[in-house]
Full PDB file with SEQRES, HELIX, SHEET, SSBOND, CRYST1, ORIGX, SCALE, CONECT and MASTER records, all heavy atoms in Angstrom:
SEQRES   1 A   35  VAL LEU ASN GLU ARG GLU SER THR VAL LEU THR GLU GLU          
SEQRES   2 A   35  ASN SER ILE LEU TRP GLN ASP LEU VAL LYS VAL SER SER          
SEQRES   3 A   35  SER PRO GLY GLY LYS ARG PRO LYS ALA                          
HELIX    1 AA1 ARG A    5  SER A    7  5                                   3    
HELIX    2 AA2 GLU A   12  SER A   25  1                                  14    
CRYST1    1.000    1.000    1.000  90.00  90.00  90.00 P 1           1          
ORIGX1      1.000000  0.000000  0.000000        0.00000                         
ORIGX2      0.000000  1.000000  0.000000        0.00000                         
ORIGX3      0.000000  0.000000  1.000000        0.00000                         
SCALE1      1.000000  0.000000  0.000000        0.00000                         
SCALE2      0.000000  1.000000  0.000000        0.00000                         
SCALE3      0.000000  0.000000  1.000000        0.00000                         
ATOM      1  N   VAL A   1     -17.591  63.492 -25.153  1.00  0.00           N  
ATOM      2  CA  VAL A   1     -17.770  64.211 -26.415  1.00  0.00           C  
ATOM      3  C   VAL A   1     -18.833  63.527 -27.269  1.00  0.00           C  
ATOM      4  O   VAL A   1     -19.688  64.175 -27.877  1.00  0.00           O  
ATOM      5  CB  VAL A   1     -16.428  64.287 -27.175  1.00  0.00           C  
ATOM      6  CG1 VAL A   1     -16.645  64.741 -28.615  1.00  0.00           C  
ATOM      7  CG2 VAL A   1     -15.474  65.227 -26.462  1.00  0.00           C  
ATOM      8  N   LEU A   2     -18.792  62.199 -27.300  1.00  0.00           N  
ATOM      9  CA  LEU A   2     -19.738  61.453 -28.120  1.00  0.00           C  
ATOM     10  C   LEU A   2     -21.173  61.641 -27.642  1.00  0.00           C  
ATOM     11  O   LEU A   2     -22.098  61.788 -28.439  1.00  0.00           O  
ATOM     12  CB  LEU A   2     -19.379  59.965 -28.106  1.00  0.00           C  
ATOM     13  CG  LEU A   2     -20.178  59.049 -29.028  1.00  0.00           C  
ATOM     14  CD1 LEU A   2     -19.917  59.404 -30.485  1.00  0.00           C  
ATOM     15  CD2 LEU A   2     -19.829  57.588 -28.782  1.00  0.00           C  
ATOM     16  N   ASN A   3     -21.355  61.683 -26.331  1.00  0.00           N  
ATOM     17  CA  ASN A   3     -22.704  61.707 -25.770  1.00  0.00           C  
ATOM     18  C   ASN A   3     -23.212  63.098 -25.421  1.00  0.00           C  
ATOM     19  O   ASN A   3     -24.410  63.347 -25.422  1.00  0.00           O  
ATOM     20  CB  ASN A   3     -22.759  60.824 -24.521  1.00  0.00           C  
ATOM     21  CG  ASN A   3     -22.446  59.376 -24.822  1.00  0.00           C  
ATOM     22  OD1 ASN A   3     -22.835  58.868 -25.863  1.00  0.00           O  
ATOM     23  ND2 ASN A   3     -21.733  58.713 -23.920  1.00  0.00           N  
ATOM     24  N   GLU A   4     -22.281  64.026 -25.097  1.00  0.00           N  
ATOM     25  CA  GLU A   4     -22.719  65.312 -24.552  1.00  0.00           C  
ATOM     26  C   GLU A   4     -21.966  66.488 -25.150  1.00  0.00           C  
ATOM     27  O   GLU A   4     -21.755  67.501 -24.484  1.00  0.00           O  
ATOM     28  CB  GLU A   4     -22.510  65.334 -23.024  1.00  0.00           C  
ATOM     29  CG  GLU A   4     -23.075  64.149 -22.283  1.00  0.00           C  
ATOM     30  CD  GLU A   4     -22.537  64.058 -20.858  1.00  0.00           C  
ATOM     31  OE1 GLU A   4     -21.914  65.020 -20.386  1.00  0.00           O  
ATOM     32  OE2 GLU A   4     -22.739  63.005 -20.230  1.00  0.00           O  
ATOM     33  N   ARG A   5     -21.550  66.386 -26.410  1.00  0.00           N  
ATOM     34  CA  ARG A   5     -20.674  67.425 -26.959  1.00  0.00           C  
ATOM     35  C   ARG A   5     -21.306  68.807 -26.911  1.00  0.00           C  
ATOM     36  O   ARG A   5     -20.644  69.799 -26.610  1.00  0.00           O  
ATOM     37  CB  ARG A   5     -20.292  67.087 -28.414  1.00  0.00           C  
ATOM     38  CG  ARG A   5     -19.281  68.082 -28.985  1.00  0.00           C  
ATOM     39  CD  ARG A   5     -17.947  67.962 -28.257  1.00  0.00           C  
ATOM     40  NE  ARG A   5     -17.068  69.098 -28.544  1.00  0.00           N  
ATOM     41  CZ  ARG A   5     -16.884  70.103 -27.724  1.00  0.00           C  
ATOM     42  NH1 ARG A   5     -17.506  70.156 -26.568  1.00  0.00           N  
ATOM     43  NH2 ARG A   5     -16.055  71.080 -28.040  1.00  0.00           N  
ATOM     44  N   GLU A   6     -22.591  68.889 -27.197  1.00  0.00           N  
ATOM     45  CA  GLU A   6     -23.240  70.197 -27.242  1.00  0.00           C  
ATOM     46  C   GLU A   6     -23.184  70.906 -25.898  1.00  0.00           C  
ATOM     47  O   GLU A   6     -23.101  72.125 -25.824  1.00  0.00           O  
ATOM     48  CB  GLU A   6     -24.706  70.051 -27.692  1.00  0.00           C  
ATOM     49  CG  GLU A   6     -24.882  69.475 -29.090  1.00  0.00           C  
ATOM     50  CD  GLU A   6     -24.532  70.457 -30.190  1.00  0.00           C  
ATOM     51  OE1 GLU A   6     -24.239  71.621 -29.864  1.00  0.00           O  
ATOM     52  OE2 GLU A   6     -24.530  70.059 -31.365  1.00  0.00           O  
ATOM     53  N   SER A   7     -23.220  70.122 -24.804  1.00  0.00           N  
ATOM     54  CA  SER A   7     -23.255  70.728 -23.470  1.00  0.00           C  
ATOM     55  C   SER A   7     -21.898  70.715 -22.782  1.00  0.00           C  
ATOM     56  O   SER A   7     -21.771  71.204 -21.658  1.00  0.00           O  
ATOM     57  CB  SER A   7     -24.277  69.989 -22.597  1.00  0.00           C  
ATOM     58  OG  SER A   7     -23.950  68.625 -22.477  1.00  0.00           O  
ATOM     59  N   THR A   8     -20.872  70.161 -23.437  1.00  0.00           N  
ATOM     60  CA  THR A   8     -19.550  70.103 -22.825  1.00  0.00           C  
ATOM     61  C   THR A   8     -18.903  71.481 -22.841  1.00  0.00           C  
ATOM     62  O   THR A   8     -18.787  72.124 -23.879  1.00  0.00           O  
ATOM     63  CB  THR A   8     -18.638  69.104 -23.566  1.00  0.00           C  
ATOM     64  OG1 THR A   8     -19.225  67.816 -23.491  1.00  0.00           O  
ATOM     65  CG2 THR A   8     -17.255  69.063 -22.947  1.00  0.00           C  
ATOM     66  N   VAL A   9     -18.507  71.949 -21.674  1.00  0.00           N  
ATOM     67  CA  VAL A   9     -17.831  73.233 -21.555  1.00  0.00           C  
ATOM     68  C   VAL A   9     -16.326  72.986 -21.513  1.00  0.00           C  
ATOM     69  O   VAL A   9     -15.835  72.200 -20.705  1.00  0.00           O  
ATOM     70  CB  VAL A   9     -18.268  73.985 -20.278  1.00  0.00           C  
ATOM     71  CG1 VAL A   9     -17.490  75.289 -20.140  1.00  0.00           C  
ATOM     72  CG2 VAL A   9     -19.766  74.247 -20.305  1.00  0.00           C  
ATOM     73  N   LEU A  10     -15.597  73.638 -22.407  1.00  0.00           N  
ATOM     74  CA  LEU A  10     -14.160  73.439 -22.463  1.00  0.00           C  
ATOM     75  C   LEU A  10     -13.465  74.271 -21.388  1.00  0.00           C  
ATOM     76  O   LEU A  10     -13.477  75.499 -21.420  1.00  0.00           O  
ATOM     77  CB  LEU A  10     -13.622  73.813 -23.848  1.00  0.00           C  
ATOM     78  CG  LEU A  10     -14.012  72.898 -24.998  1.00  0.00           C  
ATOM     79  CD1 LEU A  10     -13.369  73.366 -26.292  1.00  0.00           C  
ATOM     80  CD2 LEU A  10     -13.622  71.460 -24.713  1.00  0.00           C  
ATOM     81  N   THR A  11     -12.869  73.588 -20.429  1.00  0.00           N  
ATOM     82  CA  THR A  11     -12.055  74.238 -19.402  1.00  0.00           C  
ATOM     83  C   THR A  11     -10.608  74.239 -19.877  1.00  0.00           C  
ATOM     84  O   THR A  11     -10.270  73.684 -20.922  1.00  0.00           O  
ATOM     85  CB  THR A  11     -12.156  73.477 -18.080  1.00  0.00           C  
ATOM     86  OG1 THR A  11     -11.611  72.160 -18.274  1.00  0.00           O  
ATOM     87  CG2 THR A  11     -13.606  73.350 -17.636  1.00  0.00           C  
ATOM     88  N   GLU A  12      -9.732  74.860 -19.089  1.00  0.00           N  
ATOM     89  CA  GLU A  12      -8.321  74.881 -19.463  1.00  0.00           C  
ATOM     90  C   GLU A  12      -7.766  73.463 -19.567  1.00  0.00           C  
ATOM     91  O   GLU A  12      -6.976  73.149 -20.449  1.00  0.00           O  
ATOM     92  CB  GLU A  12      -7.522  75.677 -18.431  1.00  0.00           C  
ATOM     93  CG  GLU A  12      -6.039  75.802 -18.776  1.00  0.00           C  
ATOM     94  CD  GLU A  12      -5.278  76.668 -17.789  1.00  0.00           C  
ATOM     95  OE1 GLU A  12      -5.924  77.301 -16.920  1.00  0.00           O  
ATOM     96  OE2 GLU A  12      -4.044  76.700 -17.885  1.00  0.00           O  
ATOM     97  N   GLU A  13      -8.231  72.580 -18.655  1.00  0.00           N  
ATOM     98  CA  GLU A  13      -7.725  71.211 -18.645  1.00  0.00           C  
ATOM     99  C   GLU A  13      -8.280  70.391 -19.802  1.00  0.00           C  
ATOM    100  O   GLU A  13      -7.525  69.774 -20.558  1.00  0.00           O  
ATOM    101  CB  GLU A  13      -8.090  70.519 -17.328  1.00  0.00           C  
ATOM    102  CG  GLU A  13      -7.618  69.072 -17.282  1.00  0.00           C  
ATOM    103  CD  GLU A  13      -8.077  68.339 -16.026  1.00  0.00           C  
ATOM    104  OE1 GLU A  13      -8.994  68.824 -15.357  1.00  0.00           O  
ATOM    105  OE2 GLU A  13      -7.518  67.263 -15.748  1.00  0.00           O  
ATOM    106  N   ASN A  14      -9.614  70.398 -19.963  1.00  0.00           N  
ATOM    107  CA  ASN A  14     -10.138  69.512 -20.999  1.00  0.00           C  
ATOM    108  C   ASN A  14     -10.010  70.092 -22.408  1.00  0.00           C  
ATOM    109  O   ASN A  14     -10.222  69.388 -23.389  1.00  0.00           O  
ATOM    110  CB  ASN A  14     -11.577  69.070 -20.696  1.00  0.00           C  
ATOM    111  CG  ASN A  14     -12.594  70.190 -20.784  1.00  0.00           C  
ATOM    112  OD1 ASN A  14     -12.350  71.234 -21.378  1.00  0.00           O  
ATOM    113  ND2 ASN A  14     -13.760  69.975 -20.177  1.00  0.00           N  
ATOM    114  N   SER A  15      -9.654  71.363 -22.530  1.00  0.00           N  
ATOM    115  CA  SER A  15      -9.389  71.891 -23.867  1.00  0.00           C  
ATOM    116  C   SER A  15      -8.122  71.261 -24.443  1.00  0.00           C  
ATOM    117  O   SER A  15      -8.012  71.038 -25.652  1.00  0.00           O  
ATOM    118  CB  SER A  15      -9.259  73.419 -23.844  1.00  0.00           C  
ATOM    119  OG  SER A  15      -8.111  73.817 -23.150  1.00  0.00           O  
ATOM    120  N   ILE A  16      -7.168  70.938 -23.562  1.00  0.00           N  
ATOM    121  CA  ILE A  16      -5.965  70.235 -24.002  1.00  0.00           C  
ATOM    122  C   ILE A  16      -6.336  68.812 -24.416  1.00  0.00           C  
ATOM    123  O   ILE A  16      -5.880  68.298 -25.442  1.00  0.00           O  
ATOM    124  CB  ILE A  16      -4.905  70.224 -22.887  1.00  0.00           C  
ATOM    125  CG1 ILE A  16      -4.463  71.652 -22.588  1.00  0.00           C  
ATOM    126  CG2 ILE A  16      -3.703  69.369 -23.290  1.00  0.00           C  
ATOM    127  CD1 ILE A  16      -3.537  71.771 -21.405  1.00  0.00           C  
ATOM    128  N   LEU A  17      -7.192  68.166 -23.601  1.00  0.00           N  
ATOM    129  CA  LEU A  17      -7.674  66.827 -23.961  1.00  0.00           C  
ATOM    130  C   LEU A  17      -8.406  66.861 -25.302  1.00  0.00           C  
ATOM    131  O   LEU A  17      -8.265  65.947 -26.123  1.00  0.00           O  
ATOM    132  CB  LEU A  17      -8.619  66.293 -22.880  1.00  0.00           C  
ATOM    133  CG  LEU A  17      -7.995  65.623 -21.659  1.00  0.00           C  
ATOM    134  CD1 LEU A  17      -9.074  65.314 -20.638  1.00  0.00           C  
ATOM    135  CD2 LEU A  17      -7.250  64.358 -22.051  1.00  0.00           C  
ATOM    136  N   TRP A  18      -9.186  67.914 -25.512  1.00  0.00           N  
ATOM    137  CA  TRP A  18      -9.939  68.055 -26.757  1.00  0.00           C  
ATOM    138  C   TRP A  18      -8.997  68.164 -27.953  1.00  0.00           C  
ATOM    139  O   TRP A  18      -9.193  67.508 -28.975  1.00  0.00           O  
ATOM    140  CB  TRP A  18     -10.849  69.277 -26.661  1.00  0.00           C  
ATOM    141  CG  TRP A  18     -11.527  69.686 -27.937  1.00  0.00           C  
ATOM    142  CD1 TRP A  18     -11.460  70.891 -28.547  1.00  0.00           C  
ATOM    143  CD2 TRP A  18     -12.376  68.883 -28.760  1.00  0.00           C  
ATOM    144  NE1 TRP A  18     -12.205  70.898 -29.691  1.00  0.00           N  
ATOM    145  CE2 TRP A  18     -12.782  69.674 -29.844  1.00  0.00           C  
ATOM    146  CE3 TRP A  18     -12.827  67.569 -28.679  1.00  0.00           C  
ATOM    147  CZ2 TRP A  18     -13.615  69.207 -30.844  1.00  0.00           C  
ATOM    148  CZ3 TRP A  18     -13.662  67.094 -29.690  1.00  0.00           C  
ATOM    149  CH2 TRP A  18     -14.050  67.905 -30.747  1.00  0.00           C  
ATOM    150  N   GLN A  19      -7.944  68.957 -27.822  1.00  0.00           N  
ATOM    151  CA  GLN A  19      -6.968  69.070 -28.907  1.00  0.00           C  
ATOM    152  C   GLN A  19      -6.304  67.718 -29.186  1.00  0.00           C  
ATOM    153  O   GLN A  19      -6.113  67.342 -30.344  1.00  0.00           O  
ATOM    154  CB  GLN A  19      -5.905  70.111 -28.537  1.00  0.00           C  
ATOM    155  CG  GLN A  19      -6.432  71.536 -28.465  1.00  0.00           C  
ATOM    156  CD  GLN A  19      -5.404  72.491 -27.893  1.00  0.00           C  
ATOM    157  OE1 GLN A  19      -4.205  72.321 -28.090  1.00  0.00           O  
ATOM    158  NE2 GLN A  19      -5.858  73.499 -27.165  1.00  0.00           N  
ATOM    159  N   ASP A  20      -5.967  66.995 -28.110  1.00  0.00           N  
ATOM    160  CA  ASP A  20      -5.365  65.674 -28.279  1.00  0.00           C  
ATOM    161  C   ASP A  20      -6.332  64.715 -28.967  1.00  0.00           C  
ATOM    162  O   ASP A  20      -5.939  63.939 -29.853  1.00  0.00           O  
ATOM    163  CB  ASP A  20      -4.959  65.098 -26.914  1.00  0.00           C  
ATOM    164  CG  ASP A  20      -3.800  65.850 -26.281  1.00  0.00           C  
ATOM    165  OD1 ASP A  20      -3.185  66.691 -26.974  1.00  0.00           O  
ATOM    166  OD2 ASP A  20      -3.524  65.593 -25.097  1.00  0.00           O  
ATOM    167  N   LEU A  21      -7.605  64.762 -28.570  1.00  0.00           N  
ATOM    168  CA  LEU A  21      -8.614  63.866 -29.132  1.00  0.00           C  
ATOM    169  C   LEU A  21      -8.780  64.119 -30.627  1.00  0.00           C  
ATOM    170  O   LEU A  21      -8.868  63.177 -31.425  1.00  0.00           O  
ATOM    171  CB  LEU A  21      -9.948  64.055 -28.410  1.00  0.00           C  
ATOM    172  CG  LEU A  21     -11.069  63.072 -28.765  1.00  0.00           C  
ATOM    173  CD1 LEU A  21     -10.706  61.657 -28.335  1.00  0.00           C  
ATOM    174  CD2 LEU A  21     -12.381  63.498 -28.109  1.00  0.00           C  
ATOM    175  N   VAL A  22      -8.824  65.391 -31.028  1.00  0.00           N  
ATOM    176  CA  VAL A  22      -8.970  65.729 -32.440  1.00  0.00           C  
ATOM    177  C   VAL A  22      -7.789  65.199 -33.247  1.00  0.00           C  
ATOM    178  O   VAL A  22      -7.948  64.655 -34.341  1.00  0.00           O  
ATOM    179  CB  VAL A  22      -9.111  67.258 -32.621  1.00  0.00           C  
ATOM    180  CG1 VAL A  22      -8.980  67.642 -34.092  1.00  0.00           C  
ATOM    181  CG2 VAL A  22     -10.461  67.730 -32.080  1.00  0.00           C  
ATOM    182  N   LYS A  23      -6.587  65.321 -32.679  1.00  0.00           N  
ATOM    183  CA  LYS A  23      -5.390  64.879 -33.407  1.00  0.00           C  
ATOM    184  C   LYS A  23      -5.364  63.373 -33.618  1.00  0.00           C  
ATOM    185  O   LYS A  23      -5.002  62.895 -34.696  1.00  0.00           O  
ATOM    186  CB  LYS A  23      -4.130  65.311 -32.650  1.00  0.00           C  
ATOM    187  CG  LYS A  23      -3.840  66.804 -32.711  1.00  0.00           C  
ATOM    188  CD  LYS A  23      -2.577  67.122 -31.929  1.00  0.00           C  
ATOM    189  CE  LYS A  23      -2.286  68.607 -31.912  1.00  0.00           C  
ATOM    190  NZ  LYS A  23      -1.078  68.925 -31.111  1.00  0.00           N  
ATOM    191  N   VAL A  24      -5.726  62.598 -32.602  1.00  0.00           N  
ATOM    192  CA  VAL A  24      -5.549  61.142 -32.694  1.00  0.00           C  
ATOM    193  C   VAL A  24      -6.808  60.395 -33.114  1.00  0.00           C  
ATOM    194  O   VAL A  24      -6.733  59.200 -33.418  1.00  0.00           O  
ATOM    195  CB  VAL A  24      -5.036  60.536 -31.360  1.00  0.00           C  
ATOM    196  CG1 VAL A  24      -3.739  61.186 -30.946  1.00  0.00           C  
ATOM    197  CG2 VAL A  24      -6.072  60.633 -30.252  1.00  0.00           C  
ATOM    198  N   SER A  25      -7.963  61.073 -33.142  1.00  0.00           N  
ATOM    199  CA  SER A  25      -9.214  60.335 -33.345  1.00  0.00           C  
ATOM    200  C   SER A  25     -10.071  60.814 -34.500  1.00  0.00           C  
ATOM    201  O   SER A  25     -11.146  60.264 -34.722  1.00  0.00           O  
ATOM    202  CB  SER A  25     -10.058  60.390 -32.059  1.00  0.00           C  
ATOM    203  OG  SER A  25      -9.405  59.758 -30.992  1.00  0.00           O  
ATOM    204  N   SER A  26      -9.637  61.818 -35.250  1.00  0.00           N  
ATOM    205  CA  SER A  26     -10.540  62.381 -36.258  1.00  0.00           C  
ATOM    206  C   SER A  26     -10.360  61.812 -37.653  1.00  0.00           C  
ATOM    207  O   SER A  26     -11.083  62.191 -38.566  1.00  0.00           O  
ATOM    208  CB  SER A  26     -10.366  63.910 -36.313  1.00  0.00           C  
ATOM    209  OG  SER A  26      -9.017  64.255 -36.564  1.00  0.00           O  
ATOM    210  N   SER A  27      -9.407  60.891 -37.855  1.00  0.00           N  
ATOM    211  CA  SER A  27      -9.195  60.364 -39.205  1.00  0.00           C  
ATOM    212  C   SER A  27      -9.643  58.926 -39.431  1.00  0.00           C  
ATOM    213  O   SER A  27      -9.986  58.579 -40.560  1.00  0.00           O  
ATOM    214  CB  SER A  27      -7.713  60.496 -39.602  1.00  0.00           C  
ATOM    215  OG  SER A  27      -6.888  59.772 -38.721  1.00  0.00           O  
ATOM    216  N   PRO A  28      -9.635  58.018 -38.423  1.00  0.00           N  
ATOM    217  CA  PRO A  28     -10.017  56.629 -38.728  1.00  0.00           C  
ATOM    218  C   PRO A  28     -11.502  56.482 -39.018  1.00  0.00           C  
ATOM    219  O   PRO A  28     -12.325  57.266 -38.554  1.00  0.00           O  
ATOM    220  CB  PRO A  28      -9.613  55.862 -37.461  1.00  0.00           C  
ATOM    221  CG  PRO A  28      -9.621  56.866 -36.374  1.00  0.00           C  
ATOM    222  CD  PRO A  28      -9.205  58.156 -37.018  1.00  0.00           C  
ATOM    223  N   GLY A  29     -11.838  55.437 -39.797  1.00  0.00           N  
ATOM    224  CA  GLY A  29     -13.229  55.175 -40.136  1.00  0.00           C  
ATOM    225  C   GLY A  29     -13.938  54.386 -39.051  1.00  0.00           C  
ATOM    226  O   GLY A  29     -13.383  54.084 -37.998  1.00  0.00           O  
ATOM    227  N   GLY A  30     -15.203  54.044 -39.342  1.00  0.00           N  
ATOM    228  CA  GLY A  30     -15.986  53.252 -38.401  1.00  0.00           C  
ATOM    229  C   GLY A  30     -16.898  54.082 -37.527  1.00  0.00           C  
ATOM    230  O   GLY A  30     -16.781  55.299 -37.435  1.00  0.00           O  
ATOM    231  N   LYS A  31     -17.831  53.389 -36.860  1.00  0.00           N  
ATOM    232  CA  LYS A  31     -18.829  54.062 -36.026  1.00  0.00           C  
ATOM    233  C   LYS A  31     -18.354  54.286 -34.605  1.00  0.00           C  
ATOM    234  O   LYS A  31     -18.732  55.252 -33.961  1.00  0.00           O  
ATOM    235  CB  LYS A  31     -20.121  53.240 -36.007  1.00  0.00           C  
ATOM    236  CG  LYS A  31     -20.795  53.101 -37.353  1.00  0.00           C  
ATOM    237  CD  LYS A  31     -22.081  52.310 -37.250  1.00  0.00           C  
ATOM    238  CE  LYS A  31     -21.835  50.848 -36.950  1.00  0.00           C  
ATOM    239  NZ  LYS A  31     -23.071  50.037 -36.954  1.00  0.00           N  
ATOM    240  N   ARG A  32     -17.529  53.369 -34.084  1.00  0.00           N  
ATOM    241  CA  ARG A  32     -17.162  53.415 -32.678  1.00  0.00           C  
ATOM    242  C   ARG A  32     -15.920  54.267 -32.446  1.00  0.00           C  
ATOM    243  O   ARG A  32     -15.040  54.349 -33.300  1.00  0.00           O  
ATOM    244  CB  ARG A  32     -16.931  51.992 -32.154  1.00  0.00           C  
ATOM    245  CG  ARG A  32     -18.176  51.116 -32.230  1.00  0.00           C  
ATOM    246  CD  ARG A  32     -17.972  49.796 -31.503  1.00  0.00           C  
ATOM    247  NE  ARG A  32     -17.617  50.004 -30.112  1.00  0.00           N  
ATOM    248  CZ  ARG A  32     -18.489  50.353 -29.159  1.00  0.00           C  
ATOM    249  NH1 ARG A  32     -19.759  50.520 -29.470  1.00  0.00           N  
ATOM    250  NH2 ARG A  32     -18.087  50.527 -27.921  1.00  0.00           N  
ATOM    251  N   PRO A  33     -15.822  54.893 -31.257  1.00  0.00           N  
ATOM    252  CA  PRO A  33     -14.661  55.734 -30.950  1.00  0.00           C  
ATOM    253  C   PRO A  33     -13.363  54.939 -31.000  1.00  0.00           C  
ATOM    254  O   PRO A  33     -13.288  53.813 -30.516  1.00  0.00           O  
ATOM    255  CB  PRO A  33     -14.954  56.226 -29.530  1.00  0.00           C  
ATOM    256  CG  PRO A  33     -16.430  56.120 -29.369  1.00  0.00           C  
ATOM    257  CD  PRO A  33     -16.834  54.924 -30.174  1.00  0.00           C  
ATOM    258  N   LYS A  34     -12.341  55.561 -31.582  1.00  0.00           N  
ATOM    259  CA  LYS A  34     -11.034  54.917 -31.655  1.00  0.00           C  
ATOM    260  C   LYS A  34      -9.960  55.991 -31.756  1.00  0.00           C  
ATOM    261  O   LYS A  34     -10.256  57.171 -31.976  1.00  0.00           O  
ATOM    262  CB  LYS A  34     -10.959  53.957 -32.830  1.00  0.00           C  
ATOM    263  CG  LYS A  34     -11.217  54.575 -34.178  1.00  0.00           C  
ATOM    264  CD  LYS A  34     -11.438  53.516 -35.250  1.00  0.00           C  
ATOM    265  CE  LYS A  34     -12.686  52.711 -35.006  1.00  0.00           C  
ATOM    266  NZ  LYS A  34     -13.227  52.021 -36.156  1.00  0.00           N  
ATOM    267  N   ALA A  35      -8.719  55.583 -31.584  1.00  0.00           N  
ATOM    268  CA  ALA A  35      -7.613  56.527 -31.624  1.00  0.00           C  
ATOM    269  C   ALA A  35      -6.447  55.921 -32.387  1.00  0.00           C  
ATOM    270  O   ALA A  35      -6.230  54.712 -32.364  1.00  0.00           O  
ATOM    271  CB  ALA A  35      -7.181  56.900 -30.208  1.00  0.00           C  
TER     272      ALA A  35                                                      
MASTER        0    0    0    2    0    0    0    6  271    1    0    3          
END                                                                             
């Protein structure tokens, strides 16, 4: 997502991962990915 979000196609499997990522990773501060 960090490197290729524009070209990432959401499949049935990774759409679930995407929902999980948004829930656990969209609130903390900082530049680097975290959860």
